[in-house]
């Protein structure tokens, strides 16, 4: 919940970097995140465990894949913030739990109760209503949903510490990120360093801003069912939509209200499932 809460308010931070091209923001996120988690790993005394991961080809390959997936997700999301398309980004993250639930059921054999099925149908209806309210099928939504859905799936399969895994993910992508940032600096089109020290500080701060919620997410993903994780993901886009409407002036139509209602009922059903299970008579 804390991870999704931080992601929900993250657009407030990224809007402060409006003058920086979205792809450069993403590369700075990767570079400063890699440095931040390396420092944290050193002080935690985790270097031996990290070297063990590096020497395990299967784990290293899995984390390389998750690094690519999350980098794609970051790039599209920053583009949405910069191009004022947060509503479509929110639609993608509303769709994302459906992907997570489907992966949990189809690939991990997780049980789908009747209440969860009803909640899933309501969530599907909410996504369809959101698509109708936009008037077109946005490409942004499926890319965000699929990339983060598979990130959660593969991250769940990697039996590594949350921050250790994040360190490997970021350092696998770092050579490409650093190479591009150096190239832009040499040709004079880099956003960092600049005369604007506030902007430089914000780009550096992108490291911990990126690492902390992602580490929380990875830690949570390994401790709960993927289908449960899927429904918790509605928390983040709900916050983002509130920001888009009341903070950034985007429109909120009647169909949006209906979609929110469907999602709310679905979340209530998921919450009730646990309560009902407590009162079921046990058989011997």
Protein backbone atom coordinates (compact mmCIF):
# COMPACT_ATOMS: atom_id res chain seq x y z
CA UNK A 1 0.00 0.00 0.00
CA UNK A 2 2.86 2.38 0.79
CA UNK A 3 4.50 1.63 -2.57
CA UNK A 4 1.29 2.34 -4.46
CA UNK A 5 0.67 5.48 -2.42
CA UNK A 6 4.09 6.85 -3.33
CA UNK A 7 3.55 5.97 -6.99
CA UNK A 8 0.18 7.69 -6.90
CA UNK A 9 1.64 11.06 -5.89
CA UNK A 10 4.79 10.69 -8.02
CA UNK A 11 3.39 12.87 -10.87
CA UNK A 12 3.77 15.86 -8.56
CA UNK A 13 7.52 15.22 -8.57
CA UNK A 14 7.86 14.46 -12.27
CA UNK A 15 5.90 17.58 -13.25
CA UNK A 16 8.74 19.60 -11.70
CA UNK A 17 10.94 18.22 -14.50
CA UNK A 18 8.72 19.37 -17.36
CA UNK A 19 11.65 20.99 -19.16
CA UNK A 20 13.56 17.70 -19.42
CA UNK A 21 12.80 15.26 -22.30
CA UNK A 22 10.95 12.21 -20.90
CA UNK A 23 13.55 9.71 -22.13
CA UNK A 24 16.34 11.64 -20.43
CA UNK A 25 14.34 11.65 -17.19
CA UNK A 26 14.03 7.86 -17.41
CA UNK A 27 17.76 7.41 -17.98
CA UNK A 28 18.53 9.64 -15.02
CA UNK A 29 16.13 7.55 -12.93
CA UNK A 30 18.08 4.43 -13.86
CA UNK A 31 21.53 5.97 -13.32
CA UNK A 32 20.85 7.62 -9.95
CA UNK A 33 18.78 4.64 -8.78
CA UNK A 34 21.74 2.35 -9.55
CA UNK A 35 24.08 4.56 -7.52
CA UNK A 36 21.61 4.91 -4.64
CA UNK A 37 20.93 1.20 -4.23
CA UNK A 38 24.65 0.40 -4.51
CA UNK A 39 25.37 2.71 -1.57
CA UNK A 40 22.51 1.18 0.42
CA UNK A 41 23.70 -2.36 -0.40
CA UNK A 42 27.24 -1.51 0.73
CA UNK A 43 26.10 -0.21 4.11
CA UNK A 44 23.76 -3.20 4.52
CA UNK A 45 26.67 -5.55 3.94
CA UNK A 46 24.93 -7.22 0.99
CA UNK A 47 27.80 -7.35 -1.52
CA UNK A 48 28.43 -11.09 -1.01
CA UNK A 49 24.76 -11.89 -1.70
CA UNK A 50 24.78 -9.66 -4.78
CA UNK A 51 27.87 -11.41 -6.18
CA UNK A 52 26.12 -14.73 -5.61
CA UNK A 53 23.20 -13.51 -7.73
CA UNK A 54 25.56 -12.37 -10.47
CA UNK A 55 27.12 -15.84 -10.55
CA UNK A 56 23.66 -17.47 -10.96
CA UNK A 57 22.76 -17.23 -14.69
CA UNK A 58 19.05 -17.97 -14.20
CA UNK A 59 18.59 -15.24 -11.58
CA UNK A 60 20.73 -12.78 -13.50
CA UNK A 61 18.72 -13.40 -16.67
CA UNK A 62 15.41 -12.96 -14.84
CA UNK A 63 16.51 -9.67 -13.28
CA UNK A 64 17.87 -8.44 -16.60
CA UNK A 65 14.42 -9.08 -18.09
CA UNK A 66 12.64 -7.30 -15.22
CA UNK A 67 15.07 -4.40 -15.62
CA UNK A 68 14.08 -4.01 -19.27
CA UNK A 69 10.37 -4.28 -18.45
CA UNK A 70 10.46 -1.65 -15.70
CA UNK A 71 12.57 0.70 -17.86
CA UNK A 72 9.94 0.51 -20.60
CA UNK A 73 7.22 1.19 -18.04
CA UNK A 74 9.09 4.22 -16.63
CA UNK A 75 9.62 5.70 -20.09
CA UNK A 76 5.95 5.48 -21.06
CA UNK A 77 4.81 6.87 -17.71
CA UNK A 78 7.13 9.89 -17.80
CA UNK A 79 5.92 10.52 -21.35
CA UNK A 80 2.33 10.54 -20.05
CA UNK A 81 3.20 13.10 -17.36
CA UNK A 82 5.06 15.33 -19.82
CA UNK A 83 2.33 15.13 -22.49
CA UNK A 84 -0.57 15.62 -20.04
CA UNK A 85 -2.03 12.16 -20.58
CA UNK A 86 -2.35 11.04 -16.98
CA UNK A 87 -5.91 9.85 -17.54
CA UNK A 88 -4.68 7.34 -20.11
CA UNK A 89 -1.83 6.37 -17.78
CA UNK A 90 -4.37 5.75 -15.02
CA UNK A 91 -6.39 3.57 -17.39
CA UNK A 92 -3.27 1.50 -17.97
CA UNK A 93 -2.76 0.97 -14.26
CA UNK A 94 -6.44 0.12 -13.83
CA UNK A 95 -5.94 -2.51 -16.51
CA UNK A 96 -2.72 -3.77 -14.90
CA UNK A 97 -4.43 -5.69 -12.04
CA UNK A 98 -6.38 -7.65 -14.63
CA UNK A 99 -3.08 -8.74 -16.14
CA UNK A 100 -1.70 -9.65 -12.69
CA UNK A 101 -4.80 -11.67 -11.79
CA UNK A 102 -4.72 -13.48 -15.14
CA UNK A 103 -1.04 -14.33 -14.68
CA UNK A 104 -1.68 -15.56 -11.14
CA UNK A 105 -4.48 -17.87 -12.26
CA UNK A 106 -3.02 -19.07 -15.58
CA UNK A 107 0.69 -19.32 -14.77
CA UNK A 108 0.83 -19.80 -11.00
CA UNK A 109 -2.33 -21.86 -10.51
CA UNK A 110 -3.86 -19.45 -7.98
CA UNK A 111 -7.47 -20.11 -7.00
CA UNK A 112 -10.19 -17.77 -8.26
CA UNK A 113 -13.06 -17.58 -5.77
CA UNK A 114 -16.54 -16.43 -6.75
CA UNK A 115 -16.08 -13.10 -4.98
CA UNK A 116 -12.78 -12.52 -6.76
CA UNK A 117 -14.39 -13.45 -10.07
CA UNK A 118 -17.20 -10.97 -9.43
CA UNK A 119 -14.65 -8.31 -8.50
CA UNK A 120 -12.67 -9.10 -11.64
CA UNK A 121 -15.79 -8.70 -13.79
CA UNK A 122 -16.52 -5.35 -12.16
CA UNK A 123 -12.94 -4.26 -12.75
CA UNK A 124 -13.23 -5.33 -16.40
CA UNK A 125 -16.41 -3.30 -16.70
CA UNK A 126 -14.66 -0.29 -15.15
CA UNK A 127 -11.82 -0.50 -17.67
CA UNK A 128 -14.30 -0.77 -20.56
CA UNK A 129 -16.17 2.30 -19.30
CA UNK A 130 -12.91 4.25 -19.01
CA UNK A 131 -12.04 3.34 -22.58
CA UNK A 132 -15.45 4.54 -23.78
CA UNK A 133 -15.05 7.82 -21.89
CA UNK A 134 -11.75 8.47 -23.67
CA UNK A 135 -13.36 7.90 -27.06
CA UNK A 136 -10.57 5.71 -28.39
CA UNK A 137 -8.46 2.73 -27.46
CA UNK A 138 -5.18 4.20 -26.19
CA UNK A 139 -1.94 2.38 -26.94
CA UNK A 140 -0.48 3.69 -23.69
CA UNK A 141 -2.80 1.63 -21.48
CA UNK A 142 -1.90 -1.88 -22.71
CA UNK A 143 1.83 -1.11 -22.82
CA UNK A 144 1.82 0.10 -19.20
CA UNK A 145 -0.36 -2.78 -18.04
CA UNK A 146 1.52 -5.58 -19.77
CA UNK A 147 5.00 -4.30 -18.92
CA UNK A 148 4.27 -3.85 -15.22
CA UNK A 149 2.12 -6.97 -15.00
CA UNK A 150 4.92 -9.16 -16.31
CA UNK A 151 7.41 -7.25 -14.16
CA UNK A 152 5.43 -8.28 -11.08
CA UNK A 153 5.18 -11.87 -12.31
CA UNK A 154 8.88 -12.36 -13.02
CA UNK A 155 9.89 -10.39 -9.93
CA UNK A 156 7.78 -12.74 -7.82
CA UNK A 157 9.65 -15.72 -9.27
CA UNK A 158 13.07 -14.29 -8.38
CA UNK A 159 13.96 -15.45 -4.82
CA UNK A 160 16.16 -12.45 -3.98
CA UNK A 161 16.05 -9.59 -1.51
CA UNK A 162 14.02 -6.64 -2.81
CA UNK A 163 16.88 -4.11 -2.86
CA UNK A 164 19.41 -6.69 -4.09
CA UNK A 165 17.18 -7.42 -7.05
CA UNK A 166 16.65 -3.73 -7.75
CA UNK A 167 20.41 -3.19 -7.72
CA UNK A 168 20.94 -5.88 -10.35
CA UNK A 169 18.04 -4.58 -12.46
CA UNK A 170 19.37 -1.03 -12.49
CA UNK A 171 23.01 -1.99 -13.06
CA UNK A 172 22.12 -4.24 -16.00
CA UNK A 173 20.55 -1.23 -17.75
CA UNK A 174 23.13 1.28 -16.48
CA UNK A 175 25.72 0.91 -19.30
CA UNK A 176 23.15 1.88 -21.93
CA UNK A 177 21.77 4.71 -19.79
CA UNK A 178 25.18 6.11 -18.90
CA UNK A 179 26.35 5.85 -22.50
CA UNK A 180 23.41 7.86 -23.80
CA UNK A 181 23.70 10.48 -21.05
CA UNK A 182 27.41 10.93 -21.80
CA UNK A 183 26.69 11.18 -25.53
CA UNK A 184 24.06 13.89 -25.00
CA UNK A 185 26.49 15.77 -22.76
CA UNK A 186 29.19 15.66 -25.44
CA UNK A 187 26.85 16.97 -28.16
CA UNK A 188 25.43 19.67 -25.87
CA UNK A 189 21.85 18.42 -25.55
CA UNK A 190 22.05 16.96 -22.02
CA UNK A 191 19.70 18.21 -19.32
CA UNK A 192 22.35 17.52 -16.66
CA UNK A 193 24.44 19.26 -15.48
CA UNK A 194 22.79 22.63 -16.05
CA UNK A 195 22.82 26.18 -14.62
CA UNK A 196 19.53 25.29 -12.91
CA UNK A 197 20.74 23.68 -9.68
CA UNK A 198 17.19 22.89 -8.58
CA UNK A 199 16.61 20.81 -11.70
CA UNK A 200 19.93 19.03 -11.19
CA UNK A 201 18.93 18.21 -7.61
CA UNK A 202 15.56 16.89 -8.78
CA UNK A 203 17.24 14.62 -11.34
CA UNK A 204 19.59 13.26 -8.67
CA UNK A 205 16.61 12.80 -6.34
CA UNK A 206 14.99 10.64 -9.02
CA UNK A 207 17.22 7.82 -7.74
CA UNK A 208 15.72 7.38 -4.26
CA UNK A 209 12.28 8.47 -5.50
CA UNK A 210 12.47 5.53 -7.92
CA UNK A 211 14.17 2.98 -5.67
CA UNK A 212 12.15 3.23 -2.46
CA UNK A 213 8.63 2.41 -3.76
CA UNK A 214 9.98 -0.19 -6.19
CA UNK A 215 11.80 -1.96 -3.37
CA UNK A 216 8.62 -1.88 -1.28
CA UNK A 217 6.66 -3.33 -4.20
CA UNK A 218 9.18 -6.12 -4.81
CA UNK A 219 9.17 -7.01 -1.10
CA UNK A 220 5.37 -7.11 -1.05
CA UNK A 221 5.09 -9.07 -4.31
CA UNK A 222 7.03 -11.97 -2.79
CA UNK A 223 4.81 -12.10 0.31
CA UNK A 224 1.30 -12.25 -1.15
CA UNK A 225 -0.77 -13.86 -3.86
CA UNK A 226 -0.34 -12.23 -7.26
CA UNK A 227 -4.11 -11.89 -7.64
CA UNK A 228 -4.31 -10.02 -4.30
CA UNK A 229 -1.46 -7.82 -5.43
CA UNK A 230 -3.45 -7.10 -8.57
CA UNK A 231 -6.37 -5.55 -6.72
CA UNK A 232 -4.15 -3.46 -4.45
CA UNK A 233 -2.82 -1.82 -7.58
CA UNK A 234 -6.03 0.19 -7.93
CA UNK A 235 -4.81 2.39 -5.08
CA UNK A 236 -2.11 4.11 -7.17
CA UNK A 237 -4.14 5.08 -10.28
CA UNK A 238 -6.98 6.29 -8.05
CA UNK A 239 -4.61 8.79 -6.41
CA UNK A 240 -3.22 9.75 -9.80
CA UNK A 241 -6.70 10.37 -11.19
CA UNK A 242 -7.53 12.62 -8.24
CA UNK A 243 -4.34 14.57 -8.96
CA UNK A 244 -5.16 14.75 -12.66
CA UNK A 245 -8.65 16.11 -11.96
CA UNK A 246 -8.13 18.45 -9.01
CA UNK A 247 -4.45 19.25 -9.40
CA UNK A 248 -3.90 19.32 -13.15
CA UNK A 249 -7.38 20.27 -14.36
CA UNK A 250 -8.26 17.20 -16.41
CA UNK A 251 -11.95 16.47 -17.00
CA UNK A 252 -13.99 14.06 -14.86
CA UNK A 253 -17.09 12.82 -16.70
CA UNK A 254 -20.07 10.80 -15.49
CA UNK A 255 -18.59 7.67 -17.04
CA UNK A 256 -15.50 8.18 -14.90
CA UNK A 257 -17.69 8.24 -11.79
CA UNK A 258 -19.35 4.97 -12.86
CA UNK A 259 -15.94 3.38 -13.42
CA UNK A 260 -14.76 4.45 -9.97
CA UNK A 261 -17.93 2.95 -8.49
CA UNK A 262 -17.28 -0.40 -10.16
CA UNK A 263 -13.71 -0.46 -8.89
CA UNK A 264 -14.81 0.47 -5.37
CA UNK A 265 -17.37 -2.33 -5.24
CA UNK A 266 -14.77 -4.79 -6.55
CA UNK A 267 -12.33 -3.81 -3.80
CA UNK A 268 -15.05 -4.24 -1.19
CA UNK A 269 -15.74 -7.77 -2.48
CA UNK A 270 -12.05 -8.67 -2.23
CA UNK A 271 -11.93 -7.31 1.33
CA UNK A 272 -15.09 -9.24 2.26
CA UNK A 273 -13.58 -12.48 0.98
CA UNK A 274 -11.08 -12.57 3.84
CA UNK A 275 -13.74 -11.74 6.43
CA UNK A 276 -16.10 -14.44 5.15
CA UNK A 277 -13.30 -17.02 5.23
CA UNK A 278 -12.79 -16.34 8.95
CA UNK A 279 -16.37 -17.31 9.75
CA UNK A 280 -16.59 -20.45 7.59
CA UNK A 281 -16.97 -23.59 9.70
CA UNK A 282 -13.89 -25.79 9.64
CA UNK A 283 -14.24 -29.42 8.62
CA UNK A 284 -12.29 -32.23 10.23
